[in-house]
């Protein structure tokens, strides 16, 4: 597990996934978390400390497993979550980080089910998951608020390191909420296509989910000032969330550039570009190599900005603004991006992970098509176009070949 967590801090997501699967198999082999009655049992009653350590190890595995699955769309390695139990979080007398850990473990269960419904969406199941996520969010320090600009933290905490667990909890919640909305909108689009209707026909059932997906993307980008800057690897792990939010807003803006809300989205995309610029300029000497990501996000932001500007200059044109060619070398239209990401892709997070790792996600093809449309070069290294050399383990003579370290 320690090796999997360490590799998770690099861009070698394949190695992290292999190490995690080995850890899960070892836990199954020793019966960690599975008692004779099918309920969670870790050690004998006398070994209280061992029980706590075993429970923490088990749920650390579940959290990492759900997190990696939510990023790639691949099935979680641990599929027996219904056979293990977790004590509910105790806010009275508990350490703040223990509370966050317990909340994160409960969210992992929801994440696993949401991921399954992204591939095969079901309206009733998605509605039930939305209610379950609402109930969970009410227990969090931020009460599930999408417009909360201040990050709650433990009393007397100082420095961004103390707030990182809460930040990551909030970002994981935003992503889970976005996945439910995206799955619902995709379900509506699929039903419209099967009925022979235009896939972009307004549907009241999906309107609320599209608005929420937009709000979640905005909330994610508003969290940028709270991101950890002391450690490049910690920052890299968190950056997948704003990259996903940027891809989502790109799809929304290019698909409907004349929408009145577009003017509020553009400054948030620009703020991400500014954030990356500041990291490259001020932290680049400390190994914070984000130039490739900066170049890619800048191109996305420019495409979105040009699409909205063109739509605002000719509001009386009879042609749908999303059908106008974008100012990119590919000559594609905004609608092409919108349909690619909203109908063919499962979720922007899978696209983001394709840009930032070496795992073949469910949306790897969509990510490559988006990169081609926008003009983001995709090399032959086996990694996504945003990955710096410093986060490729092979750079330091360490890699996995045929499942073994070399």
Protein backbone atom coordinates (compact mmCIF):
# COMPACT_ATOMS: atom_id res chain seq x y z
CA UNK A 1 0.00 0.00 0.00
CA UNK A 2 2.85 2.37 0.83
CA UNK A 3 4.40 1.71 -2.57
CA UNK A 4 1.05 2.29 -4.30
CA UNK A 5 0.57 5.59 -2.48
CA UNK A 6 4.11 6.63 -3.40
CA UNK A 7 3.62 5.80 -7.09
CA UNK A 8 0.29 7.63 -7.00
CA UNK A 9 2.30 10.82 -6.50
CA UNK A 10 3.95 10.29 -9.89
CA UNK A 11 2.33 10.13 -13.32
CA UNK A 12 2.83 6.35 -13.55
CA UNK A 13 -0.77 5.45 -12.78
CA UNK A 14 -0.30 1.98 -14.28
CA UNK A 15 2.33 1.08 -11.68
CA UNK A 16 0.16 2.48 -8.88
CA UNK A 17 -2.78 0.38 -10.09
CA UNK A 18 -0.69 -2.80 -10.20
CA UNK A 19 0.68 -2.24 -6.70
CA UNK A 20 -2.80 -1.51 -5.38
CA UNK A 21 -4.22 -4.69 -6.89
CA UNK A 22 -1.45 -6.69 -5.19
CA UNK A 23 -2.29 -5.04 -1.86
CA UNK A 24 -5.99 -5.86 -2.27
CA UNK A 25 -5.20 -9.48 -3.14
CA UNK A 26 -2.99 -9.79 -0.04
CA UNK A 27 -5.77 -8.35 2.13
CA UNK A 28 -8.18 -10.90 0.70
CA UNK A 29 -5.67 -13.68 1.34
CA UNK A 30 -5.41 -12.89 5.06
CA UNK A 31 -9.13 -12.14 5.41
CA UNK A 32 -8.69 -8.50 6.33
CA UNK A 33 -12.14 -6.99 6.77
CA UNK A 34 -14.05 -10.22 6.19
CA UNK A 35 -15.36 -12.19 9.16
CA UNK A 36 -17.08 -15.56 9.26
CA UNK A 37 -20.46 -13.85 9.40
CA UNK A 38 -19.68 -11.65 6.41
CA UNK A 39 -19.25 -8.53 8.53
CA UNK A 40 -16.10 -6.57 9.18
CA UNK A 41 -13.72 -8.25 11.65
CA UNK A 42 -10.06 -7.39 11.77
CA UNK A 43 -8.49 -8.86 14.94
CA UNK A 44 -9.58 -10.43 18.20
CA UNK A 45 -11.23 -8.25 20.84
CA UNK A 46 -8.01 -8.20 22.89
CA UNK A 47 -6.00 -6.67 20.09
CA UNK A 48 -7.70 -3.30 20.12
CA UNK A 49 -4.78 -1.38 18.68
CA UNK A 50 -4.34 -3.98 15.97
CA UNK A 51 -8.01 -3.68 15.14
CA UNK A 52 -7.69 0.08 14.68
CA UNK A 53 -4.60 -0.32 12.51
CA UNK A 54 -6.28 -3.02 10.45
CA UNK A 55 -9.40 -0.94 9.93
CA UNK A 56 -7.37 2.09 8.91
CA UNK A 57 -5.31 0.03 6.45
CA UNK A 58 -8.43 -1.55 4.99
CA UNK A 59 -10.19 1.77 4.42
CA UNK A 60 -7.06 3.49 3.19
CA UNK A 61 -7.02 0.81 0.49
CA UNK A 62 -10.72 1.31 -0.27
CA UNK A 63 -10.26 5.09 -0.52
CA UNK A 64 -7.26 4.83 -2.85
CA UNK A 65 -9.02 2.16 -4.91
CA UNK A 66 -12.19 4.25 -5.32
CA UNK A 67 -10.15 7.36 -6.08
CA UNK A 68 -8.15 5.68 -8.82
CA UNK A 69 -11.26 4.06 -10.27
CA UNK A 70 -13.05 7.44 -10.28
CA UNK A 71 -10.14 8.85 -12.26
CA UNK A 72 -9.86 6.17 -14.92
CA UNK A 73 -13.31 4.60 -15.15
CA UNK A 74 -11.78 1.15 -14.69
CA UNK A 75 -13.50 -1.18 -12.17
CA UNK A 76 -12.20 -0.96 -8.58
CA UNK A 77 -9.86 -3.74 -7.46
CA UNK A 78 -11.90 -4.26 -4.30
CA UNK A 79 -15.46 -5.19 -5.26
CA UNK A 80 -16.65 -6.46 -1.86
CA UNK A 81 -17.56 -3.16 -0.20
CA UNK A 82 -20.98 -4.48 0.81
CA UNK A 83 -19.31 -7.24 2.86
CA UNK A 84 -17.26 -4.94 5.09
CA UNK A 85 -18.43 -2.42 7.62
CA UNK A 86 -17.22 0.98 8.73
CA UNK A 87 -17.95 2.62 12.04
CA UNK A 88 -19.80 5.90 11.50
CA UNK A 89 -17.69 9.02 12.01
CA UNK A 90 -17.70 10.41 15.54
CA UNK A 91 -17.33 14.16 15.64
CA UNK A 92 -17.17 14.44 19.44
CA UNK A 93 -13.72 13.73 20.80
CA UNK A 94 -12.27 12.69 17.45
CA UNK A 95 -9.23 14.19 15.81
CA UNK A 96 -10.20 16.40 12.88
CA UNK A 97 -8.23 14.36 10.35
CA UNK A 98 -9.85 11.15 11.64
CA UNK A 99 -13.25 12.67 10.91
CA UNK A 100 -12.13 13.59 7.39
CA UNK A 101 -10.76 10.06 6.93
CA UNK A 102 -14.08 8.50 7.96
CA UNK A 103 -16.03 10.82 5.67
CA UNK A 104 -13.68 10.00 2.80
CA UNK A 105 -14.20 6.29 3.40
CA UNK A 106 -17.98 6.66 3.27
CA UNK A 107 -17.68 8.69 0.07
CA UNK A 108 -15.58 5.91 -1.48
CA UNK A 109 -18.57 3.57 -1.33
CA UNK A 110 -20.74 6.10 -3.14
CA UNK A 111 -18.00 6.75 -5.70
CA UNK A 112 -17.80 3.06 -6.59
CA UNK A 113 -21.52 2.89 -7.38
CA UNK A 114 -21.52 6.19 -9.27
CA UNK A 115 -18.69 4.96 -11.48
CA UNK A 116 -20.67 1.86 -12.43
CA UNK A 117 -23.66 3.98 -13.49
CA UNK A 118 -21.53 6.22 -15.68
CA UNK A 119 -21.05 3.27 -18.00
CA UNK A 120 -24.64 2.01 -17.76
CA UNK A 121 -26.77 4.91 -16.47
CA UNK A 122 -30.12 4.24 -14.82
CA UNK A 123 -32.39 7.15 -13.95
CA UNK A 124 -33.80 5.73 -10.71
CA UNK A 125 -30.38 4.57 -9.48
CA UNK A 126 -28.80 7.94 -10.27
CA UNK A 127 -31.56 9.76 -8.38
CA UNK A 128 -31.01 7.49 -5.36
CA UNK A 129 -27.26 8.07 -5.48
CA UNK A 130 -27.85 11.81 -5.65
CA UNK A 131 -29.94 11.69 -2.47
CA UNK A 132 -27.34 9.52 -0.74
CA UNK A 133 -24.61 11.98 -1.71
CA UNK A 134 -26.75 14.88 -0.40
CA UNK A 135 -27.12 13.10 2.93
CA UNK A 136 -23.38 12.45 3.13
CA UNK A 137 -22.53 16.06 2.23
CA UNK A 138 -24.52 17.43 5.18
CA UNK A 139 -21.98 15.78 7.52
CA UNK A 140 -19.01 17.55 5.96
CA UNK A 141 -17.31 20.73 7.24
CA UNK A 142 -18.54 22.58 4.13
CA UNK A 143 -22.10 21.13 4.29
CA UNK A 144 -21.99 20.23 0.62
CA UNK A 145 -22.11 23.89 -0.45
CA UNK A 146 -20.94 24.45 -4.01
CA UNK A 147 -20.44 28.18 -3.54
CA UNK A 148 -18.33 28.03 -0.38
CA UNK A 149 -15.17 30.06 -1.04
CA UNK A 150 -13.61 29.53 2.38
CA UNK A 151 -12.18 26.16 3.28
CA UNK A 152 -13.13 25.12 6.82
CA UNK A 153 -10.33 23.63 8.85
CA UNK A 154 -9.57 22.38 12.34
CA UNK A 155 -9.50 24.97 15.07
CA UNK A 156 -6.08 26.55 15.42
CA UNK A 157 -4.63 24.98 12.29
CA UNK A 158 -1.95 26.88 10.42
CA UNK A 159 -0.48 26.35 6.97
CA UNK A 160 -2.01 24.76 3.91
CA UNK A 161 -0.78 21.28 4.89
CA UNK A 162 -3.43 21.07 7.61
CA UNK A 163 -6.18 21.93 5.15
CA UNK A 164 -5.16 19.54 2.37
CA UNK A 165 -7.30 16.59 3.64
CA UNK A 166 -10.40 18.79 3.73
CA UNK A 167 -9.60 20.25 0.32
CA UNK A 168 -9.21 16.80 -1.24
CA UNK A 169 -12.45 15.67 0.42
CA UNK A 170 -14.27 18.65 -1.06
CA UNK A 171 -12.78 18.12 -4.52
CA UNK A 172 -13.69 14.42 -4.47
CA UNK A 173 -17.25 15.37 -3.53
CA UNK A 174 -17.45 17.91 -6.36
CA UNK A 175 -16.22 15.29 -8.81
CA UNK A 176 -18.71 12.70 -7.57
CA UNK A 177 -21.54 15.21 -7.90
CA UNK A 178 -20.36 16.08 -11.41
CA UNK A 179 -20.31 12.41 -12.39
CA UNK A 180 -23.95 11.96 -11.36
CA UNK A 181 -24.96 15.02 -13.40
CA UNK A 182 -22.89 13.94 -16.39
CA UNK A 183 -24.34 10.42 -16.31
CA UNK A 184 -27.89 11.78 -16.18
CA UNK A 185 -27.29 14.17 -19.10
CA UNK A 186 -25.68 11.36 -21.08
CA UNK A 187 -28.68 9.11 -20.37
CA UNK A 188 -31.05 11.78 -21.72
CA UNK A 189 -28.88 12.26 -24.83
CA UNK A 190 -28.79 8.50 -25.43
CA UNK A 191 -32.57 8.22 -25.14
CA UNK A 192 -32.98 11.13 -27.56
CA UNK A 193 -30.65 9.49 -30.08
CA UNK A 194 -32.52 6.19 -29.81
CA UNK A 195 -35.80 8.04 -30.42
CA UNK A 196 -34.36 9.70 -33.50
CA UNK A 197 -34.40 13.16 -31.92
CA UNK A 198 -31.54 15.70 -32.10
CA UNK A 199 -29.24 15.02 -29.16
CA UNK A 200 -29.02 18.71 -28.30
CA UNK A 201 -32.79 19.18 -28.01
CA UNK A 202 -33.58 20.87 -24.67
CA UNK A 203 -34.84 18.39 -22.08
CA UNK A 204 -36.19 19.60 -18.76
CA UNK A 205 -35.03 16.42 -17.04
CA UNK A 206 -31.40 17.21 -17.79
CA UNK A 207 -31.52 21.01 -17.41
CA UNK A 208 -31.01 20.97 -13.65
CA UNK A 209 -28.17 18.48 -13.90
CA UNK A 210 -26.42 20.58 -16.53
CA UNK A 211 -26.67 23.62 -14.26
CA UNK A 212 -25.27 21.66 -11.33
CA UNK A 213 -22.41 20.31 -13.45
CA UNK A 214 -21.56 23.90 -14.35
CA UNK A 215 -21.72 24.98 -10.69
CA UNK A 216 -19.48 22.09 -9.62
CA UNK A 217 -16.88 22.99 -12.25
CA UNK A 218 -16.94 26.60 -11.10
CA UNK A 219 -16.61 25.60 -7.45
CA UNK A 220 -13.62 23.41 -8.28
CA UNK A 221 -11.80 26.25 -10.04
CA UNK A 222 -12.65 28.66 -7.21
CA UNK A 223 -10.74 26.30 -4.88
CA UNK A 224 -7.41 26.95 -6.64
CA UNK A 225 -6.11 29.43 -4.00
CA UNK A 226 -6.36 26.64 -1.41
CA UNK A 227 -4.22 24.17 -3.37
CA UNK A 228 -1.00 22.86 -1.76
CA UNK A 229 2.12 24.52 -3.15
CA UNK A 230 4.84 23.23 -0.85
CA UNK A 231 5.07 19.84 -2.54
CA UNK A 232 4.92 19.45 -6.31
CA UNK A 233 3.73 15.85 -6.08
CA UNK A 234 0.86 16.81 -3.76
CA UNK A 235 -0.06 19.64 -6.10
CA UNK A 236 0.07 17.31 -9.10
CA UNK A 237 -2.33 14.89 -7.41
CA UNK A 238 -4.84 17.69 -6.82
CA UNK A 239 -4.53 19.29 -10.27
CA UNK A 240 -6.57 16.57 -11.95
CA UNK A 241 -9.70 18.20 -10.50
CA UNK A 242 -9.29 21.67 -12.08
CA UNK A 243 -8.16 20.05 -15.34
CA UNK A 244 -11.39 18.03 -15.34
CA UNK A 245 -13.40 21.16 -14.50
CA UNK A 246 -11.71 23.02 -17.38
CA UNK A 247 -12.58 20.24 -19.82
CA UNK A 248 -16.19 20.32 -18.58
CA UNK A 249 -16.48 24.09 -19.01
CA UNK A 250 -14.87 23.84 -22.44
CA UNK A 251 -17.59 21.40 -23.49
CA UNK A 252 -20.32 23.61 -22.02
CA UNK A 253 -19.01 26.86 -23.51
CA UNK A 254 -18.29 25.59 -27.00
CA UNK A 255 -21.58 23.70 -27.14
CA UNK A 256 -23.60 26.80 -26.17
CA UNK A 257 -21.38 29.88 -26.56
CA UNK A 258 -24.32 32.31 -26.61
CA UNK A 259 -25.52 31.29 -23.14
CA UNK A 260 -25.67 34.32 -20.79
CA UNK A 261 -23.76 32.37 -18.12
CA UNK A 262 -20.72 32.02 -20.36
CA UNK A 263 -19.33 35.37 -19.24
CA UNK A 264 -19.00 34.00 -15.69
CA UNK A 265 -17.18 30.85 -16.84
CA UNK A 266 -14.41 32.52 -18.83
CA UNK A 267 -12.77 34.32 -15.87
CA UNK A 268 -12.55 31.01 -14.01
CA UNK A 269 -10.76 29.33 -16.91
CA UNK A 270 -8.46 32.34 -17.09
CA UNK A 271 -7.78 32.06 -13.35
CA UNK A 272 -6.53 28.49 -13.84
CA UNK A 273 -4.18 29.70 -16.57
CA UNK A 274 -2.92 32.44 -14.23
CA UNK A 275 -2.46 29.92 -11.42
CA UNK A 276 -0.34 27.66 -13.64
CA UNK A 277 1.65 30.65 -14.89
CA UNK A 278 2.46 31.68 -11.34
CA UNK A 279 3.58 28.15 -10.47
CA UNK A 280 5.82 27.96 -13.54
CA UNK A 281 7.36 31.39 -12.95
CA UNK A 282 7.75 31.35 -9.16
CA UNK A 283 8.08 27.63 -8.38
CA UNK A 284 9.64 26.28 -11.57
CA UNK A 285 13.10 26.30 -10.03
CA UNK A 286 11.85 24.03 -7.25
CA UNK A 287 10.94 21.28 -9.72
CA UNK A 288 7.39 22.50 -10.35
CA UNK A 289 7.33 21.70 -14.06
CA UNK A 290 3.85 22.58 -15.29
CA UNK A 291 4.75 24.16 -18.63
CA UNK A 292 3.04 21.42 -20.68
CA UNK A 293 -0.15 21.72 -18.66
CA UNK A 294 -0.01 25.51 -18.92
CA UNK A 295 0.29 25.31 -22.71
CA UNK A 296 -2.63 22.88 -22.97
CA UNK A 297 -4.99 24.71 -20.62
CA UNK A 298 -4.12 28.01 -22.31
CA UNK A 299 -5.23 26.56 -25.65
CA UNK A 300 -8.49 25.32 -24.13
CA UNK A 301 -9.14 28.71 -22.55
CA UNK A 302 -8.44 30.50 -25.84
CA UNK A 303 -10.81 28.22 -27.76
CA UNK A 304 -13.58 28.84 -25.22
CA UNK A 305 -12.94 32.59 -25.16
CA UNK A 306 -12.93 32.87 -28.97
CA UNK A 307 -16.15 30.85 -29.25
CA UNK A 308 -17.97 33.08 -26.75
CA UNK A 309 -16.60 36.27 -28.33
CA UNK A 310 -17.72 35.22 -31.81
CA UNK A 311 -21.21 34.40 -30.54
CA UNK A 312 -21.52 37.77 -28.79
CA UNK A 313 -20.48 39.73 -31.90
CA UNK A 314 -23.29 38.39 -34.06
CA UNK A 315 -26.32 37.73 -31.84
CA UNK A 316 -28.75 38.15 -34.73
CA UNK A 317 -27.16 35.55 -36.99
CA UNK A 318 -29.62 32.78 -37.93
CA UNK A 319 -26.91 30.13 -37.70
CA UNK A 320 -26.30 28.39 -34.37
CA UNK A 321 -23.02 29.86 -32.98
CA UNK A 322 -21.86 26.39 -31.96
CA UNK A 323 -21.74 25.48 -35.67
CA UNK A 324 -19.17 28.17 -36.51
CA UNK A 325 -15.60 26.95 -37.10
CA UNK A 326 -13.36 27.54 -34.10
CA UNK A 327 -10.13 29.51 -34.34
CA UNK A 328 -8.04 26.33 -34.32
CA UNK A 329 -5.91 24.64 -36.97
CA UNK A 330 -8.30 21.67 -37.13
CA UNK A 331 -11.13 23.97 -38.26
CA UNK A 332 -13.62 22.04 -36.13
CA UNK A 333 -16.75 23.58 -34.63
CA UNK A 334 -17.69 24.14 -31.02
CA UNK A 335 -20.51 21.67 -31.42
CA UNK A 336 -17.95 19.00 -32.35
CA UNK A 337 -16.24 19.47 -28.99
CA UNK A 338 -19.55 19.61 -27.13
CA UNK A 339 -20.83 16.39 -28.68
CA UNK A 340 -17.49 14.65 -28.24
CA UNK A 341 -17.35 15.36 -24.50
CA UNK A 342 -21.07 15.27 -23.67
CA UNK A 343 -22.12 12.25 -25.73
CA UNK A 344 -19.12 10.12 -26.66
CA UNK A 345 -17.03 10.65 -23.52
CA UNK A 346 -18.11 9.27 -20.14
CA UNK A 347 -16.75 12.08 -17.97
CA UNK A 348 -14.21 14.94 -18.16
CA UNK A 349 -12.22 13.41 -15.28
CA UNK A 350 -11.36 10.42 -17.46
CA UNK A 351 -10.17 12.85 -20.14
CA UNK A 352 -8.11 14.74 -17.54
CA UNK A 353 -6.48 11.53 -16.31
CA UNK A 354 -5.61 10.59 -19.89
CA UNK A 355 -3.80 13.93 -20.14
CA UNK A 356 -2.00 13.40 -16.80
CA UNK A 357 -1.05 9.71 -16.65
CA UNK A 358 -0.26 6.55 -18.59
CA UNK A 359 -3.41 4.52 -17.89
CA UNK A 360 -5.72 3.84 -20.83
CA UNK A 361 -8.90 5.30 -19.37
CA UNK A 362 -12.42 4.79 -20.70
CA UNK A 363 -12.13 8.16 -22.45
CA UNK A 364 -8.62 7.81 -23.83
CA UNK A 365 -9.86 8.03 -27.43
CA UNK A 366 -11.97 11.10 -26.61
CA UNK A 367 -8.95 12.72 -24.95
CA UNK A 368 -6.83 12.16 -28.04
CA UNK A 369 -9.57 13.57 -30.29
CA UNK A 370 -9.91 16.63 -28.07
CA UNK A 371 -6.15 17.17 -28.11
CA UNK A 372 -6.17 16.98 -31.91
CA UNK A 373 -9.06 19.47 -32.21
CA UNK A 374 -7.57 22.01 -29.80
CA UNK A 375 -3.99 21.57 -30.99
CA UNK A 376 -2.34 19.90 -27.99
CA UNK A 377 0.62 17.74 -29.12
CA UNK A 378 0.55 14.15 -27.87
CA UNK A 379 3.97 12.52 -27.84
CA UNK A 380 5.05 8.88 -28.02
CA UNK A 381 6.28 8.51 -24.43
CA UNK A 382 3.24 6.49 -23.35
CA UNK A 383 2.18 9.34 -21.05
CA UNK A 384 -0.40 12.06 -21.54
CA UNK A 385 0.54 15.44 -23.02
CA UNK A 386 0.53 17.27 -19.65
CA UNK A 387 3.04 14.96 -17.92
CA UNK A 388 6.46 16.51 -17.17
CA UNK A 389 9.59 14.39 -17.45
CA UNK A 390 10.18 14.75 -13.71
CA UNK A 391 7.08 12.66 -12.95
CA UNK A 392 7.94 9.80 -15.29
CA UNK A 393 9.65 7.16 -13.10
CA UNK A 394 11.63 5.86 -16.07
CA UNK A 395 13.46 9.20 -16.00
CA UNK A 396 15.16 8.00 -12.83
CA UNK A 397 15.80 4.45 -14.05
CA UNK A 398 12.72 2.93 -12.38
CA UNK A 399 9.83 1.45 -14.29
CA UNK A 400 7.61 -1.63 -14.49
CA UNK A 401 8.05 -4.18 -17.25
CA UNK A 402 5.81 -7.24 -17.51
CA UNK A 403 4.51 -6.56 -14.02
CA UNK A 404 7.94 -6.47 -12.38
CA UNK A 405 10.14 -3.52 -11.39
CA UNK A 406 13.13 -2.93 -13.67
